[in-house]
PDB file of N, CA and C in Angstrom:
ATOM      1  N   MET A   1       0.949  -1.030   0.055  1.00  0.00           N
ATOM      2  CA  MET A   1       0.017   0.007   0.015  1.00  0.00           C
ATOM      3  C   MET A   1       0.975   1.347  -0.092  1.00  0.00           C
ATOM      4  N   ARG A   2       0.450   2.330  -0.665  1.00  0.00           N
ATOM      5  CA  ARG A   2       1.324   3.526  -0.758  1.00  0.00           C
ATOM      6  C   ARG A   2       0.358   4.664  -0.175  1.00  0.00           C
ATOM      7  N   VAL A   3       0.874   5.602   0.452  1.00  0.00           N
ATOM      8  CA  VAL A   3       0.079   6.654   1.094  1.00  0.00           C
ATOM      9  C   VAL A   3       0.890   7.871   0.494  1.00  0.00           C
ATOM     10  N   LEU A   4       0.218   8.771  -0.012  1.00  0.00           N
ATOM     11  CA  LEU A   4       0.726  10.171  -0.491  1.00  0.00           C
ATOM     12  C   LEU A   4       0.368  11.065   0.454  1.00  0.00           C
ATOM     13  N   LEU A   5       1.362  11.922   1.059  1.00  0.00           N
ATOM     14  CA  LEU A   5       0.889  12.993   2.031  1.00  0.00           C
ATOM     15  C   LEU A   5       1.155  14.335   1.411  1.00  0.00           C
ATOM     16  N   HIS A   6       0.268  15.176   1.499  1.00  0.00           N
ATOM     17  CA  HIS A   6       0.357  16.528   0.932  1.00  0.00           C
ATOM     18  C   HIS A   6       0.333  17.518   2.203  1.00  0.00           C
ATOM     19  N   ILE A   7       1.533  18.009   2.504  1.00  0.00           N
ATOM     20  CA  ILE A   7       1.643  18.854   3.789  1.00  0.00           C
ATOM     21  C   ILE A   7       1.853  20.149   3.380  1.00  0.00           C
ATOM     22  N   GLU A   8       1.122  21.195   4.059  1.00  0.00           N
ATOM     23  CA  GLU A   8       1.334  22.536   3.870  1.00  0.00           C
ATOM     24  C   GLU A   8       1.614  23.198   5.269  1.00  0.00           C
ATOM     25  N   LEU A   9       2.672  23.844   5.347  1.00  0.00           N
ATOM     26  CA  LEU A   9       3.073  24.449   6.584  1.00  0.00           C
ATOM     27  C   LEU A   9       2.396  25.798   6.653  1.00  0.00           C
ATOM     28  N   GLU A  10       1.913  26.077   7.789  1.00  0.00           N
ATOM     29  CA  GLU A  10       1.307  27.530   8.075  1.00  0.00           C
ATOM     30  C   GLU A  10       2.265  28.362   8.706  1.00  0.00           C
ATOM     31  N   GLY A  11       2.340  29.488   8.436  1.00  0.00           N
ATOM     32  CA  GLY A  11       3.083  30.410   9.124  1.00  0.00           C
ATOM     33  C   GLY A  11       4.643  30.212   9.085  1.00  0.00           C
ATOM     34  N   ASN A  12       5.272  30.336  10.121  1.00  0.00           N
ATOM     35  CA  ASN A  12       6.671  30.098  10.196  1.00  0.00           C
ATOM     36  C   ASN A  12       7.079  28.603  10.686  1.00  0.00           C
ATOM     37  N   ARG A  13       6.252  27.736  10.593  1.00  0.00           N
ATOM     38  CA  ARG A  13       6.488  26.351  11.039  1.00  0.00           C
ATOM     39  C   ARG A  13       7.430  25.621  10.136  1.00  0.00           C
ATOM     40  N   LYS A  14       8.327  24.629  10.870  1.00  0.00           N
ATOM     41  CA  LYS A  14       9.191  23.916  10.203  1.00  0.00           C
ATOM     42  C   LYS A  14       9.150  22.539  10.325  1.00  0.00           C
ATOM     43  N   ILE A  15       9.620  21.791   9.492  1.00  0.00           N
ATOM     44  CA  ILE A  15       9.724  20.355   9.589  1.00  0.00           C
ATOM     45  C   ILE A  15      10.985  19.916  10.265  1.00  0.00           C
ATOM     46  N   PRO A  16      11.006  19.213  11.282  1.00  0.00           N
ATOM     47  CA  PRO A  16      12.323  18.761  11.829  1.00  0.00           C
ATOM     48  C   PRO A  16      13.132  17.835  11.193  1.00  0.00           C
ATOM     49  N   LEU A  17      14.475  17.763  11.294  1.00  0.00           N
ATOM     50  CA  LEU A  17      15.272  16.755  10.531  1.00  0.00           C
ATOM     51  C   LEU A  17      14.955  15.381  10.850  1.00  0.00           C
ATOM     52  N   ASN A  18      14.423  15.031  12.061  1.00  0.00           N
ATOM     53  CA  ASN A  18      14.180  13.694  12.376  1.00  0.00           C
ATOM     54  C   ASN A  18      12.721  13.460  12.216  1.00  0.00           C
ATOM     55  N   TYR A  19      12.093  13.944  11.170  1.00  0.00           N
ATOM     56  CA  TYR A  19      10.800  13.896  10.850  1.00  0.00           C
ATOM     57  C   TYR A  19      10.247  12.312  10.764  1.00  0.00           C
ATOM     58  N   GLN A  20      11.187  11.420  10.565  1.00  0.00           N
ATOM     59  CA  GLN A  20      10.680  10.033  10.266  1.00  0.00           C
ATOM     60  C   GLN A  20       9.997   9.526  11.642  1.00  0.00           C
ATOM     61  N   TYR A  21      10.464   9.958  12.769  1.00  0.00           N
ATOM     62  CA  TYR A  21       9.668   9.435  13.913  1.00  0.00           C
ATOM     63  C   TYR A  21       8.221   9.938  13.916  1.00  0.00           C
ATOM     64  N   TYR A  22       7.922  11.203  13.533  1.00  0.00           N
ATOM     65  CA  TYR A  22       6.662  11.812  13.544  1.00  0.00           C
ATOM     66  C   TYR A  22       5.827  11.144  12.473  1.00  0.00           C
ATOM     67  N   VAL A  23       6.399  10.891  11.203  1.00  0.00           N
ATOM     68  CA  VAL A  23       5.624  10.223  10.169  1.00  0.00           C
ATOM     69  C   VAL A  23       5.235   8.680  10.670  1.00  0.00           C
ATOM     70  N   GLY A  24       6.158   8.077  11.312  1.00  0.00           N
ATOM     71  CA  GLY A  24       5.796   6.807  11.872  1.00  0.00           C
ATOM     72  C   GLY A  24       4.807   6.858  12.889  1.00  0.00           C
ATOM     73  N   ALA A  25       4.835   7.764  13.757  1.00  0.00           N
ATOM     74  CA  ALA A  25       3.697   7.886  14.850  1.00  0.00           C
ATOM     75  C   ALA A  25       2.432   8.181  14.169  1.00  0.00           C
ATOM     76  N   TRP A  26       2.479   9.009  13.289  1.00  0.00           N
ATOM     77  CA  TRP A  26       1.093   9.175  12.541  1.00  0.00           C
ATOM     78  C   TRP A  26       0.666   8.219  11.814  1.00  0.00           C
ATOM     79  N   LEU A  27       1.417   7.283  11.198  1.00  0.00           N
ATOM     80  CA  LEU A  27       0.882   6.146  10.559  1.00  0.00           C
ATOM     81  C   LEU A  27       0.425   5.144  11.685  1.00  0.00           C
ATOM     82  N   TYR A  28       1.045   4.878  12.670  1.00  0.00           N
ATOM     83  CA  TYR A  28       0.535   4.107  13.696  1.00  0.00           C
ATOM     84  C   TYR A  28      -0.842   4.598  14.169  1.00  0.00           C
ATOM     85  N   THR A  29      -0.854   6.001  14.449  1.00  0.00           N
ATOM     86  CA  THR A  29      -2.075   6.556  15.015  1.00  0.00           C
ATOM     87  C   THR A  29      -3.194   6.454  14.040  1.00  0.00           C
ATOM     88  N   THR A  30      -2.911   6.550  12.875  1.00  0.00           N
ATOM     89  CA  THR A  30      -4.095   6.442  11.776  1.00  0.00           C
ATOM     90  C   THR A  30      -4.556   4.978  11.766  1.00  0.00           C
ATOM     91  N   LEU A  31      -3.504   3.991  11.741  1.00  0.00           N
ATOM     92  CA  LEU A  31      -3.923   2.609  11.759  1.00  0.00           C
ATOM     93  C   LEU A  31      -4.747   2.322  13.075  1.00  0.00           C
ATOM     94  N   ASN A  32      -4.328   2.916  14.170  1.00  0.00           N
ATOM     95  CA  ASN A  32      -5.065   2.676  15.476  1.00  0.00           C
ATOM     96  C   ASN A  32      -6.405   2.997  15.364  1.00  0.00           C
ATOM     97  N   ARG A  33      -6.719   4.082  14.688  1.00  0.00           N
ATOM     98  CA  ARG A  33      -8.116   4.649  14.596  1.00  0.00           C
ATOM     99  C   ARG A  33      -8.973   3.623  13.688  1.00  0.00           C
ATOM    100  N   ALA A  34      -8.295   3.018  12.682  1.00  0.00           N
ATOM    101  CA  ALA A  34      -9.068   2.287  11.812  1.00  0.00           C
ATOM    102  C   ALA A  34      -9.131   0.856  12.372  1.00  0.00           C
ATOM    103  N   ASN A  35      -8.121   0.228  12.909  1.00  0.00           N
ATOM    104  CA  ASN A  35      -8.031  -1.221  13.477  1.00  0.00           C
ATOM    105  C   ASN A  35      -7.002  -1.217  14.524  1.00  0.00           C
ATOM    106  N   SER A  36      -7.334  -0.940  15.816  1.00  0.00           N
ATOM    107  CA  SER A  36      -6.470  -1.052  16.863  1.00  0.00           C
ATOM    108  C   SER A  36      -5.724  -2.237  17.094  1.00  0.00           C
ATOM    109  N   ALA A  37      -6.361  -3.432  16.800  1.00  0.00           N
ATOM    110  CA  ALA A  37      -5.692  -4.782  17.077  1.00  0.00           C
ATOM    111  C   ALA A  37      -4.511  -4.853  16.006  1.00  0.00           C
ATOM    112  N   LEU A  38      -4.761  -4.554  14.722  1.00  0.00           N
ATOM    113  CA  LEU A  38      -3.705  -4.465  13.736  1.00  0.00           C
ATOM    114  C   LEU A  38      -2.555  -3.540  14.063  1.00  0.00           C
ATOM    115  N   ALA A  39      -2.958  -2.349  14.482  1.00  0.00           N
ATOM    116  CA  ALA A  39      -1.882  -1.387  14.718  1.00  0.00           C
ATOM    117  C   ALA A  39      -0.970  -1.903  15.864  1.00  0.00           C
ATOM    118  N   ASP A  40      -1.633  -2.417  16.967  1.00  0.00           N
ATOM    119  CA  ASP A  40      -0.857  -3.105  18.177  1.00  0.00           C
ATOM    120  C   ASP A  40      -0.005  -4.168  17.716  1.00  0.00           C
ATOM    121  N   PHE A  41      -0.618  -5.017  16.958  1.00  0.00           N
ATOM    122  CA  PHE A  41       0.331  -6.085  16.458  1.00  0.00           C
ATOM    123  C   PHE A  41       1.362  -5.730  15.480  1.00  0.00           C
ATOM    124  N   LEU A  42       1.195  -4.738  14.672  1.00  0.00           N
ATOM    125  CA  LEU A  42       2.305  -4.261  13.882  1.00  0.00           C
ATOM    126  C   LEU A  42       3.439  -3.606  14.878  1.00  0.00           C
ATOM    127  N   HIS A  43       3.018  -2.744  15.731  1.00  0.00           N
ATOM    128  CA  HIS A  43       3.892  -2.074  16.479  1.00  0.00           C
ATOM    129  C   HIS A  43       4.692  -2.971  17.512  1.00  0.00           C
ATOM    130  N   GLN A  44       3.911  -3.793  18.142  1.00  0.00           N
ATOM    131  CA  GLN A  44       4.542  -4.722  19.188  1.00  0.00           C
ATOM    132  C   GLN A  44       5.301  -5.871  18.684  1.00  0.00           C
ATOM    133  N   HIS A  45       4.746  -6.499  17.571  1.00  0.00           N
ATOM    134  CA  HIS A  45       5.240  -7.819  17.128  1.00  0.00           C
ATOM    135  C   HIS A  45       5.864  -7.848  15.725  1.00  0.00           C
ATOM    136  N   GLY A  46       5.014  -7.408  14.861  1.00  0.00           N
ATOM    137  CA  GLY A  46       5.492  -7.391  13.405  1.00  0.00           C
ATOM    138  C   GLY A  46       5.181  -8.863  12.819  1.00  0.00           C
ATOM    139  N   PHE A  47       5.862  -9.258  11.816  1.00  0.00           N
ATOM    140  CA  PHE A  47       5.811 -10.499  11.130  1.00  0.00           C
ATOM    141  C   PHE A  47       6.996 -11.365  11.314  1.00  0.00           C
ATOM    142  N   GLN A  48       6.776 -12.591  11.400  1.00  0.00           N
ATOM    143  CA  GLN A  48       7.955 -13.452  11.575  1.00  0.00           C
ATOM    144  C   GLN A  48       8.096 -14.321  10.375  1.00  0.00           C
ATOM    145  N   TYR A  49       9.505 -14.391   9.863  1.00  0.00           N
ATOM    146  CA  TYR A  49       9.842 -15.155   8.739  1.00  0.00           C
ATOM    147  C   TYR A  49      11.242 -15.656   8.952  1.00  0.00           C
ATOM    148  N   ASN A  50      11.377 -16.837   8.914  1.00  0.00           N
ATOM    149  CA  ASN A  50      12.593 -17.547   9.236  1.00  0.00           C
ATOM    150  C   ASN A  50      13.302 -17.125  10.432  1.00  0.00           C
ATOM    151  N   HIS A  51      12.487 -17.260  11.528  1.00  0.00           N
ATOM    152  CA  HIS A  51      12.855 -16.834  12.838  1.00  0.00           C
ATOM    153  C   HIS A  51      13.301 -15.477  13.069  1.00  0.00           C
ATOM    154  N   LYS A  52      12.905 -14.438  12.173  1.00  0.00           N
ATOM    155  CA  LYS A  52      13.258 -13.059  12.299  1.00  0.00           C
ATOM    156  C   LYS A  52      11.968 -12.287  12.298  1.00  0.00           C
ATOM    157  N   LEU A  53      12.058 -11.317  13.048  1.00  0.00           N
ATOM    158  CA  LEU A  53      10.765 -10.366  13.191  1.00  0.00           C
ATOM    159  C   LEU A  53      10.975  -9.165  12.175  1.00  0.00           C
ATOM    160  N   TYR A  54       9.960  -8.908  11.457  1.00  0.00           N
ATOM    161  CA  TYR A  54      10.049  -7.781  10.614  1.00  0.00           C
ATOM    162  C   TYR A  54       8.812  -6.854  10.799  1.00  0.00           C
ATOM    163  N   LYS A  55       9.109  -5.588  10.980  1.00  0.00           N
ATOM    164  CA  LYS A  55       8.046  -4.596  11.039  1.00  0.00           C
ATOM    165  C   LYS A  55       7.938  -3.923   9.758  1.00  0.00           C
ATOM    166  N   LEU A  56       6.794  -4.241   9.104  1.00  0.00           N
ATOM    167  CA  LEU A  56       6.741  -3.844   7.691  1.00  0.00           C
ATOM    168  C   LEU A  56       6.297  -2.342   7.489  1.00  0.00           C
ATOM    169  N   MET A  57       6.737  -1.488   8.278  1.00  0.00           N
ATOM    170  CA  MET A  57       6.408  -0.143   8.056  1.00  0.00           C
ATOM    171  C   MET A  57       7.657   0.738   7.776  1.00  0.00           C
ATOM    172  N   THR A  58       7.760   0.852   6.468  1.00  0.00           N
ATOM    173  CA  THR A  58       8.832   1.610   5.874  1.00  0.00           C
ATOM    174  C   THR A  58       8.292   2.734   5.004  1.00  0.00           C
ATOM    175  N   PHE A  59       9.125   3.883   4.948  1.00  0.00           N
ATOM    176  CA  PHE A  59       8.866   4.898   3.988  1.00  0.00           C
ATOM    177  C   PHE A  59      10.075   5.643   3.664  1.00  0.00           C
ATOM    178  N   GLY A  60      10.104   6.124   2.468  1.00  0.00           N
ATOM    179  CA  GLY A  60      11.311   6.787   1.886  1.00  0.00           C
ATOM    180  C   GLY A  60      11.253   8.274   2.351  1.00  0.00           C
ATOM    181  N   PRO A  61      12.326   8.926   2.126  1.00  0.00           N
ATOM    182  CA  PRO A  61      12.528  10.284   2.427  1.00  0.00           C
ATOM    183  C   PRO A  61      11.463  11.247   1.817  1.00  0.00           C
ATOM    184  N   LEU A  62      11.052  12.346   2.548  1.00  0.00           N
ATOM    185  CA  LEU A  62      10.114  13.242   1.893  1.00  0.00           C
ATOM    186  C   LEU A  62      10.845  14.051   0.950  1.00  0.00           C
ATOM    187  N   GLN A  63      10.100  14.389  -0.039  1.00  0.00           N
ATOM    188  CA  GLN A  63      10.545  15.167  -1.168  1.00  0.00           C
ATOM    189  C   GLN A  63      10.060  16.540  -1.090  1.00  0.00           C
ATOM    190  N   ILE A  64      10.849  17.473  -0.400  1.00  0.00           N
ATOM    191  CA  ILE A  64      10.406  18.742  -0.006  1.00  0.00           C
ATOM    192  C   ILE A  64      11.208  19.884  -0.884  1.00  0.00           C
ATOM    193  N   PHE A  65      10.408  20.610  -1.725  1.00  0.00           N
ATOM    194  CA  PHE A  65      11.077  21.506  -2.511  1.00  0.00           C
ATOM    195  C   PHE A  65      10.252  22.731  -2.416  1.00  0.00           C
ATOM    196  N   PRO A  66      10.836  24.031  -2.379  1.00  0.00           N
ATOM    197  CA  PRO A  66      12.308  24.215  -2.059  1.00  0.00           C
ATOM    198  C   PRO A  66      12.399  24.041  -0.592  1.00  0.00           C
ATOM    199  N   TYR A  67      13.725  23.795  -0.109  1.00  0.00           N
ATOM    200  CA  TYR A  67      13.878  23.578   1.400  1.00  0.00           C
ATOM    201  C   TYR A  67      15.286  24.344   1.747  1.00  0.00           C
ATOM    202  N   LYS A  68      15.275  24.608   2.990  1.00  0.00           N
ATOM    203  CA  LYS A  68      16.424  25.252   3.531  1.00  0.00           C
ATOM    204  C   LYS A  68      16.743  24.628   4.930  1.00  0.00           C
ATOM    205  N   ILE A  69      17.998  24.300   5.228  1.00  0.00           N
ATOM    206  CA  ILE A  69      18.268  23.763   6.561  1.00  0.00           C
ATOM    207  C   ILE A  69      18.715  24.863   7.589  1.00  0.00           C
ATOM    208  N   ASP A  70      17.956  25.082   8.588  1.00  0.00           N
ATOM    209  CA  ASP A  70      18.364  26.097   9.572  1.00  0.00           C
ATOM    210  C   ASP A  70      19.278  25.609  10.546  1.00  0.00           C
TER     211      ASP A  70
END
C-alpha cells in the first residue's frame, strides 16, 4: 500500500530533521483509529519469517522543494 501525504506548513512552522519518527507515529495513530488490533500487532510484534521479526512499516525520504536547513 502507498500513502501520499500533501503537507502545507502554516506561518513560520518547520519540519524537523528527524521527521521520520513523527511520520511513523502518524501512521500508527491512523492505523489505530481504523483497526487498533492490527496497529498493536504491527507495533509490538510485526511478522515472523525464518525466525526473524519484521516490522513492515517503511517509508522513503520526504521530497520537499524548495527547502532550507536552519
